[in-house]
Amino acid sequence: MSSDGSRHAAQTRIFLRPIGSGLPLGFFSFGIGMLLLGCFAIGWIPITEQKQVGMLLMSFVFPLELVATVMAFLARDTLGATTLGLFTTSWLALGWADFSAAPGVKSVTLGIYLFGFATAVLLIGVLSTLGKPFFSVLLGVAATRMVLSGYYEVGGAHEWLKIAGGFGIALAALAMYGGTALALEDARQREVLPLFRRGAADTAFQGFEAQLDRLEAEPGVRQQL
């Protein structure tokens, strides 16, 4: 049994197909979506154009984020794919809410949804501090924006929505920086703009051999998730 098992283990091969990174696409589309939400909340986009904002979130941001999510799962980046996946359907949900509701009408249901979403995003942000602190900052700002928007939806003054809009503009800028940094990193095969990776996230850029020890225990390779 042991000799056959050892022979079988020695002959086992794991084949991985290189794919392009979906993170730049995810970051840039996220930034455009946040720009729309921020400008609408502040008032730079007239409230009469609420339906147009909703249509753009559903028709432009949602499908691009969906593609980025699929690519992240194929690349075996579970945490990144989970984050992108949550935001993907949030763009569809927020877009549909804006499109279907009358301009300026508040929704307690939407507010509670934003509180729950902010909790999940904050937890992922805490986990990201282990390897990707830039992502933690981005997610922390995103969670803050959600809480402020949620508070407005459940009965807060309109000023809270404007403050949330300011956080949305800041998020758009952070996302554009992140997308640019990731795209340059992929093109140059090295870090150009700092993303402050550390731990396993930094080790992943030091070559394939550094990841072999944990490869057999990753999803898609091990028998059970």
C-alpha atoms as a PDB file:
ATOM      1  CA  MET A   1       0.000   0.000   0.000  1.00  0.00           C
ATOM      2  CA  SER A   2       2.685   2.480   0.963  1.00  0.00           C
ATOM      3  CA  SER A   3       4.925   1.603  -1.995  1.00  0.00           C
ATOM      4  CA  ASP A   4       2.029   1.875  -4.478  1.00  0.00           C
ATOM      5  CA  GLY A   5       0.937   5.114  -2.869  1.00  0.00           C
ATOM      6  CA  SER A   6       4.405   6.573  -3.094  1.00  0.00           C
ATOM      7  CA  ARG A   7       4.729   5.523  -6.747  1.00  0.00           C
ATOM      8  CA  HIS A   8       1.332   7.077  -7.481  1.00  0.00           C
ATOM      9  CA  ALA A   9       2.300  10.302  -5.702  1.00  0.00           C
ATOM     10  CA  ALA A  10       5.575  10.454  -7.603  1.00  0.00           C
ATOM     11  CA  GLN A  11       3.713  10.219 -10.924  1.00  0.00           C
ATOM     12  CA  THR A  12       1.028  12.780 -10.118  1.00  0.00           C
ATOM     13  CA  ARG A  13       1.166  15.952 -12.205  1.00  0.00           C
ATOM     14  CA  ILE A  14      -0.811  19.154 -11.768  1.00  0.00           C
ATOM     15  CA  PHE A  15      -1.321  21.257 -14.877  1.00  0.00           C
ATOM     16  CA  LEU A  16      -2.209  24.954 -14.610  1.00  0.00           C
ATOM     17  CA  ARG A  17      -3.184  27.152 -17.544  1.00  0.00           C
ATOM     18  CA  PRO A  18      -1.812  30.717 -17.425  1.00  0.00           C
ATOM     19  CA  ILE A  19      -4.567  33.339 -17.757  1.00  0.00           C
ATOM     20  CA  GLY A  20      -4.731  37.109 -17.809  1.00  0.00           C
ATOM     21  CA  SER A  21      -5.478  38.991 -14.602  1.00  0.00           C
ATOM     22  CA  GLY A  22      -9.013  40.320 -14.262  1.00  0.00           C
ATOM     23  CA  LEU A  23      -8.114  42.739 -11.467  1.00  0.00           C
ATOM     24  CA  PRO A  24      -7.319  45.804 -13.639  1.00  0.00           C
ATOM     25  CA  LEU A  25     -10.690  45.393 -15.375  1.00  0.00           C
ATOM     26  CA  GLY A  26     -12.394  45.006 -12.014  1.00  0.00           C
ATOM     27  CA  PHE A  27     -10.694  48.072 -10.534  1.00  0.00           C
ATOM     28  CA  PHE A  28     -11.337  50.375 -13.488  1.00  0.00           C
ATOM     29  CA  SER A  29     -15.011  49.408 -13.819  1.00  0.00           C
ATOM     30  CA  PHE A  30     -15.402  49.731 -10.030  1.00  0.00           C
ATOM     31  CA  GLY A  31     -13.899  53.223 -10.210  1.00  0.00           C
ATOM     32  CA  ILE A  32     -16.306  54.325 -12.941  1.00  0.00           C
ATOM     33  CA  GLY A  33     -19.253  52.944 -10.987  1.00  0.00           C
ATOM     34  CA  MET A  34     -18.167  54.770  -7.839  1.00  0.00           C
ATOM     35  CA  LEU A  35     -17.721  57.970  -9.818  1.00  0.00           C
ATOM     36  CA  LEU A  36     -21.356  57.725 -10.919  1.00  0.00           C
ATOM     37  CA  LEU A  37     -22.623  56.991  -7.404  1.00  0.00           C
ATOM     38  CA  GLY A  38     -20.487  59.721  -5.855  1.00  0.00           C
ATOM     39  CA  CYS A  39     -21.489  62.402  -8.341  1.00  0.00           C
ATOM     40  CA  PHE A  40     -25.150  61.456  -8.025  1.00  0.00           C
ATOM     41  CA  ALA A  41     -25.048  61.547  -4.212  1.00  0.00           C
ATOM     42  CA  ILE A  42     -23.312  64.937  -4.120  1.00  0.00           C
ATOM     43  CA  GLY A  43     -25.746  66.369  -6.656  1.00  0.00           C
ATOM     44  CA  TRP A  44     -23.431  66.828  -9.609  1.00  0.00           C
ATOM     45  CA  ILE A  45     -25.715  64.468 -11.527  1.00  0.00           C
ATOM     46  CA  PRO A  46     -29.308  65.775 -11.386  1.00  0.00           C
ATOM     47  CA  ILE A  47     -31.782  63.647  -9.463  1.00  0.00           C
ATOM     48  CA  THR A  48     -33.932  63.507 -12.611  1.00  0.00           C
ATOM     49  CA  GLU A  49     -31.213  61.327 -14.188  1.00  0.00           C
ATOM     50  CA  GLN A  50     -31.460  58.601 -11.530  1.00  0.00           C
ATOM     51  CA  LYS A  51     -32.706  56.049 -14.048  1.00  0.00           C
ATOM     52  CA  GLN A  52     -29.762  56.719 -16.361  1.00  0.00           C
ATOM     53  CA  VAL A  53     -27.368  56.109 -13.476  1.00  0.00           C
ATOM     54  CA  GLY A  54     -29.112  52.827 -12.726  1.00  0.00           C
ATOM     55  CA  MET A  55     -28.978  51.754 -16.370  1.00  0.00           C
ATOM     56  CA  LEU A  56     -25.231  52.446 -16.579  1.00  0.00           C
ATOM     57  CA  LEU A  57     -24.535  50.492 -13.379  1.00  0.00           C
ATOM     58  CA  MET A  58     -26.438  47.499 -14.755  1.00  0.00           C
ATOM     59  CA  SER A  59     -25.290  47.632 -18.387  1.00  0.00           C
ATOM     60  CA  PHE A  60     -21.662  48.753 -18.002  1.00  0.00           C
ATOM     61  CA  VAL A  61     -20.267  48.132 -14.502  1.00  0.00           C
ATOM     62  CA  PHE A  62     -22.071  44.862 -13.690  1.00  0.00           C
ATOM     63  CA  PRO A  63     -20.973  42.796 -16.746  1.00  0.00           C
ATOM     64  CA  LEU A  64     -17.348  43.949 -16.535  1.00  0.00           C
ATOM     65  CA  GLU A  65     -17.176  43.133 -12.819  1.00  0.00           C
ATOM     66  CA  LEU A  66     -18.707  39.726 -13.594  1.00  0.00           C
ATOM     67  CA  VAL A  67     -15.947  38.959 -16.097  1.00  0.00           C
ATOM     68  CA  ALA A  68     -13.314  40.052 -13.560  1.00  0.00           C
ATOM     69  CA  THR A  69     -14.882  37.788 -10.926  1.00  0.00           C
ATOM     70  CA  VAL A  70     -14.782  34.727 -13.178  1.00  0.00           C
ATOM     71  CA  MET A  71     -11.163  35.392 -14.098  1.00  0.00           C
ATOM     72  CA  ALA A  72     -10.215  35.803 -10.433  1.00  0.00           C
ATOM     73  CA  PHE A  73     -11.749  32.428  -9.541  1.00  0.00           C
ATOM     74  CA  LEU A  74      -9.945  30.787 -12.471  1.00  0.00           C
ATOM     75  CA  ALA A  75      -6.724  32.351 -11.199  1.00  0.00           C
ATOM     76  CA  ARG A  76      -7.398  30.718  -7.780  1.00  0.00           C
ATOM     77  CA  ASP A  77      -7.527  34.062  -5.963  1.00  0.00           C
ATOM     78  CA  THR A  78     -10.377  33.135  -3.621  1.00  0.00           C
ATOM     79  CA  LEU A  79     -10.399  36.305  -1.535  1.00  0.00           C
ATOM     80  CA  GLY A  80     -10.116  38.600  -4.539  1.00  0.00           C
ATOM     81  CA  ALA A  81     -12.822  36.699  -6.417  1.00  0.00           C
ATOM     82  CA  THR A  82     -15.142  36.758  -3.397  1.00  0.00           C
ATOM     83  CA  THR A  83     -14.723  40.513  -3.091  1.00  0.00           C
ATOM     84  CA  LEU A  84     -15.316  41.078  -6.796  1.00  0.00           C
ATOM     85  CA  GLY A  85     -18.307  38.715  -6.741  1.00  0.00           C
ATOM     86  CA  LEU A  86     -19.998  40.586  -3.910  1.00  0.00           C
ATOM     87  CA  PHE A  87     -19.505  43.913  -5.645  1.00  0.00           C
ATOM     88  CA  THR A  88     -20.601  42.458  -8.984  1.00  0.00           C
ATOM     89  CA  THR A  89     -24.124  41.664  -7.843  1.00  0.00           C
ATOM     90  CA  SER A  90     -24.245  44.846  -5.761  1.00  0.00           C
ATOM     91  CA  TRP A  91     -23.881  46.889  -8.950  1.00  0.00           C
ATOM     92  CA  LEU A  92     -26.823  45.017 -10.443  1.00  0.00           C
ATOM     93  CA  ALA A  93     -28.881  45.450  -7.265  1.00  0.00           C
ATOM     94  CA  LEU A  94     -28.094  49.149  -6.857  1.00  0.00           C
ATOM     95  CA  GLY A  95     -28.626  49.797 -10.546  1.00  0.00           C
ATOM     96  CA  TRP A  96     -32.006  48.084 -10.504  1.00  0.00           C
ATOM     97  CA  ALA A  97     -32.992  49.977  -7.342  1.00  0.00           C
ATOM     98  CA  ASP A  98     -32.142  53.303  -8.965  1.00  0.00           C
ATOM     99  CA  PHE A  99     -33.877  52.388 -12.216  1.00  0.00           C
ATOM    100  CA  SER A 100     -37.096  51.079 -10.686  1.00  0.00           C
ATOM    101  CA  ALA A 101     -37.608  53.603  -7.845  1.00  0.00           C
ATOM    102  CA  ALA A 102     -38.987  57.097  -8.131  1.00  0.00           C
ATOM    103  CA  PRO A 103     -36.241  59.785  -8.010  1.00  0.00           C
ATOM    104  CA  GLY A 104     -35.240  60.728  -4.471  1.00  0.00           C
ATOM    105  CA  VAL A 105     -37.332  58.098  -2.671  1.00  0.00           C
ATOM    106  CA  LYS A 106     -35.642  56.452   0.338  1.00  0.00           C
ATOM    107  CA  SER A 107     -35.741  52.714   1.054  1.00  0.00           C
ATOM    108  CA  VAL A 108     -35.317  51.101   4.470  1.00  0.00           C
ATOM    109  CA  THR A 109     -34.759  47.757   2.741  1.00  0.00           C
ATOM    110  CA  LEU A 110     -31.890  49.218   0.734  1.00  0.00           C
ATOM    111  CA  GLY A 111     -30.439  50.771   3.878  1.00  0.00           C
ATOM    112  CA  ILE A 112     -30.407  47.448   5.737  1.00  0.00           C
ATOM    113  CA  TYR A 113     -28.862  45.791   2.684  1.00  0.00           C
ATOM    114  CA  LEU A 114     -26.084  48.389   2.698  1.00  0.00           C
ATOM    115  CA  PHE A 115     -25.416  47.779   6.410  1.00  0.00           C
ATOM    116  CA  GLY A 116     -25.112  44.030   5.790  1.00  0.00           C
ATOM    117  CA  PHE A 117     -22.945  44.519   2.719  1.00  0.00           C
ATOM    118  CA  ALA A 118     -20.698  46.926   4.625  1.00  0.00           C
ATOM    119  CA  THR A 119     -20.192  44.297   7.350  1.00  0.00           C
ATOM    120  CA  ALA A 120     -19.098  41.663   4.828  1.00  0.00           C
ATOM    121  CA  VAL A 121     -16.783  44.119   3.057  1.00  0.00           C
ATOM    122  CA  LEU A 122     -15.233  45.223   6.361  1.00  0.00           C
ATOM    123  CA  LEU A 123     -14.521  41.605   7.333  1.00  0.00           C
ATOM    124  CA  ILE A 124     -12.848  40.968   3.967  1.00  0.00           C
ATOM    125  CA  GLY A 125     -10.857  44.163   4.450  1.00  0.00           C
ATOM    126  CA  VAL A 126      -9.564  42.882   7.796  1.00  0.00           C
ATOM    127  CA  LEU A 127      -8.507  39.608   6.143  1.00  0.00           C
ATOM    128  CA  SER A 128      -6.764  41.534   3.363  1.00  0.00           C
ATOM    129  CA  THR A 129      -4.426  43.203   5.857  1.00  0.00           C
ATOM    130  CA  LEU A 130      -2.526  39.890   6.007  1.00  0.00           C
ATOM    131  CA  GLY A 131      -1.249  40.325   2.457  1.00  0.00           C
ATOM    132  CA  LYS A 132      -2.832  43.253   0.612  1.00  0.00           C
ATOM    133  CA  PRO A 133      -3.123  46.350   2.826  1.00  0.00           C
ATOM    134  CA  PHE A 134      -3.987  48.573  -0.154  1.00  0.00           C
ATOM    135  CA  PHE A 135      -7.100  46.481  -0.692  1.00  0.00           C
ATOM    136  CA  SER A 136      -7.888  46.880   3.009  1.00  0.00           C
ATOM    137  CA  VAL A 137      -7.814  50.670   2.690  1.00  0.00           C
ATOM    138  CA  LEU A 138     -10.039  50.520  -0.394  1.00  0.00           C
ATOM    139  CA  LEU A 139     -12.539  48.202   1.292  1.00  0.00           C
ATOM    140  CA  GLY A 140     -12.517  50.256   4.481  1.00  0.00           C
ATOM    141  CA  VAL A 141     -13.440  53.400   2.556  1.00  0.00           C
ATOM    142  CA  ALA A 142     -16.094  51.417   0.636  1.00  0.00           C
ATOM    143  CA  ALA A 143     -17.633  50.123   3.873  1.00  0.00           C
ATOM    144  CA  THR A 144     -17.733  53.675   5.270  1.00  0.00           C
ATOM    145  CA  ARG A 145     -19.542  54.906   2.168  1.00  0.00           C
ATOM    146  CA  MET A 146     -22.094  52.106   2.476  1.00  0.00           C
ATOM    147  CA  VAL A 147     -22.798  52.833   6.142  1.00  0.00           C
ATOM    148  CA  LEU A 148     -23.313  56.541   5.412  1.00  0.00           C
ATOM    149  CA  SER A 149     -25.586  55.791   2.457  1.00  0.00           C
ATOM    150  CA  GLY A 150     -27.468  53.201   4.503  1.00  0.00           C
ATOM    151  CA  TYR A 151     -28.007  55.664   7.328  1.00  0.00           C
ATOM    152  CA  TYR A 152     -29.474  58.128   4.847  1.00  0.00           C
ATOM    153  CA  GLU A 153     -31.784  55.458   3.440  1.00  0.00           C
ATOM    154  CA  VAL A 154     -33.208  54.508   6.852  1.00  0.00           C
ATOM    155  CA  GLY A 155     -34.002  58.104   7.766  1.00  0.00           C
ATOM    156  CA  GLY A 156     -30.831  60.207   7.967  1.00  0.00           C
ATOM    157  CA  ALA A 157     -30.556  63.758   6.696  1.00  0.00           C
ATOM    158  CA  HIS A 158     -29.599  64.419   3.082  1.00  0.00           C
ATOM    159  CA  GLU A 159     -26.194  65.716   4.228  1.00  0.00           C
ATOM    160  CA  TRP A 160     -25.187  62.131   5.076  1.00  0.00           C
ATOM    161  CA  LEU A 161     -25.752  61.157   1.454  1.00  0.00           C
ATOM    162  CA  LYS A 162     -23.537  64.026   0.310  1.00  0.00           C
ATOM    163  CA  ILE A 163     -20.785  62.888   2.677  1.00  0.00           C
ATOM    164  CA  ALA A 164     -21.163  59.363   1.296  1.00  0.00           C
ATOM    165  CA  GLY A 165     -20.784  60.867  -2.168  1.00  0.00           C
ATOM    166  CA  GLY A 166     -17.461  62.364  -1.142  1.00  0.00           C
ATOM    167  CA  PHE A 167     -16.276  58.926  -0.064  1.00  0.00           C
ATOM    168  CA  GLY A 168     -17.484  57.596  -3.420  1.00  0.00           C
ATOM    169  CA  ILE A 169     -15.297  60.109  -5.290  1.00  0.00           C
ATOM    170  CA  ALA A 170     -12.327  59.109  -3.106  1.00  0.00           C
ATOM    171  CA  LEU A 171     -13.031  55.449  -3.884  1.00  0.00           C
ATOM    172  CA  ALA A 172     -13.079  56.201  -7.602  1.00  0.00           C
ATOM    173  CA  ALA A 173      -9.619  57.780  -7.318  1.00  0.00           C
ATOM    174  CA  LEU A 174      -8.255  54.854  -5.273  1.00  0.00           C
ATOM    175  CA  ALA A 175      -9.688  52.340  -7.747  1.00  0.00           C
ATOM    176  CA  MET A 176      -8.162  54.144 -10.721  1.00  0.00           C
ATOM    177  CA  TYR A 177      -4.781  54.119  -8.977  1.00  0.00           C
ATOM    178  CA  GLY A 178      -5.142  50.420  -8.165  1.00  0.00           C
ATOM    179  CA  GLY A 179      -6.150  49.531 -11.714  1.00  0.00           C
ATOM    180  CA  THR A 180      -3.218  51.479 -13.143  1.00  0.00           C
ATOM    181  CA  ALA A 181      -0.776  49.873 -10.687  1.00  0.00           C
ATOM    182  CA  LEU A 182      -2.042  46.365 -11.467  1.00  0.00           C
ATOM    183  CA  ALA A 183      -1.986  46.939 -15.241  1.00  0.00           C
ATOM    184  CA  LEU A 184       1.581  48.284 -15.116  1.00  0.00           C
ATOM    185  CA  GLU A 185       2.605  45.400 -12.890  1.00  0.00           C
ATOM    186  CA  ASP A 186       1.221  42.904 -15.390  1.00  0.00           C
ATOM    187  CA  ALA A 187       2.887  44.660 -18.346  1.00  0.00           C
ATOM    188  CA  ARG A 188       6.305  45.097 -16.714  1.00  0.00           C
ATOM    189  CA  GLN A 189       6.255  41.858 -14.685  1.00  0.00           C
ATOM    190  CA  ARG A 190       7.304  43.823 -11.612  1.00  0.00           C
ATOM    191  CA  GLU A 191       5.851  46.342  -9.204  1.00  0.00           C
ATOM    192  CA  VAL A 192       5.906  49.876 -10.653  1.00  0.00           C
ATOM    193  CA  LEU A 193       3.400  51.706  -8.446  1.00  0.00           C
ATOM    194  CA  PRO A 194       3.396  50.431  -4.844  1.00  0.00           C
ATOM    195  CA  LEU A 195       0.537  48.203  -3.688  1.00  0.00           C
ATOM    196  CA  PHE A 196       2.318  47.285  -0.431  1.00  0.00           C
ATOM    197  CA  ARG A 197       1.904  43.511  -0.753  1.00  0.00           C
ATOM    198  CA  ARG A 198       3.342  41.378   2.026  1.00  0.00           C
ATOM    199  CA  GLY A 199       3.320  37.794   3.260  1.00  0.00           C
ATOM    200  CA  ALA A 200       1.900  35.222   0.858  1.00  0.00           C
ATOM    201  CA  ALA A 201       0.737  37.936  -1.548  1.00  0.00           C
ATOM    202  CA  ASP A 202       4.333  39.122  -1.899  1.00  0.00           C
ATOM    203  CA  THR A 203       5.722  35.578  -2.086  1.00  0.00           C
ATOM    204  CA  ALA A 204       3.459  34.854  -5.052  1.00  0.00           C
ATOM    205  CA  PHE A 205       5.563  37.286  -7.124  1.00  0.00           C
ATOM    206  CA  GLN A 206       8.856  35.606  -6.247  1.00  0.00           C
ATOM    207  CA  GLY A 207       8.386  32.687  -8.629  1.00  0.00           C
ATOM    208  CA  PHE A 208       6.391  29.487  -8.952  1.00  0.00           C
ATOM    209  CA  GLU A 209       8.649  27.369  -6.757  1.00  0.00           C
ATOM    210  CA  ALA A 210       7.779  29.431  -3.688  1.00  0.00           C
ATOM    211  CA  GLN A 211       4.142  28.320  -4.069  1.00  0.00           C
ATOM    212  CA  LEU A 212       4.648  24.605  -4.695  1.00  0.00           C
ATOM    213  CA  ASP A 213       4.502  23.618  -1.033  1.00  0.00           C
ATOM    214  CA  ARG A 214       0.885  24.736  -0.682  1.00  0.00           C
ATOM    215  CA  LEU A 215      -0.327  23.966  -4.222  1.00  0.00           C
ATOM    216  CA  GLU A 216      -1.707  20.506  -3.438  1.00  0.00           C
ATOM    217  CA  ALA A 217      -3.959  21.921  -0.709  1.00  0.00           C
ATOM    218  CA  GLU A 218      -5.589  24.627  -2.839  1.00  0.00           C
ATOM    219  CA  PRO A 219      -9.192  24.559  -4.128  1.00  0.00           C
ATOM    220  CA  GLY A 220      -9.455  22.720  -7.448  1.00  0.00           C
ATOM    221  CA  VAL A 221      -6.539  20.482  -6.495  1.00  0.00           C
ATOM    222  CA  ARG A 222      -7.658  19.026  -3.162  1.00  0.00           C
ATOM    223  CA  GLN A 223     -10.636  16.653  -3.160  1.00  0.00           C
ATOM    224  CA  GLN A 224     -13.017  18.810  -1.121  1.00  0.00           C
ATOM    225  CA  LEU A 225     -13.511  22.543  -0.729  1.00  0.00           C
END
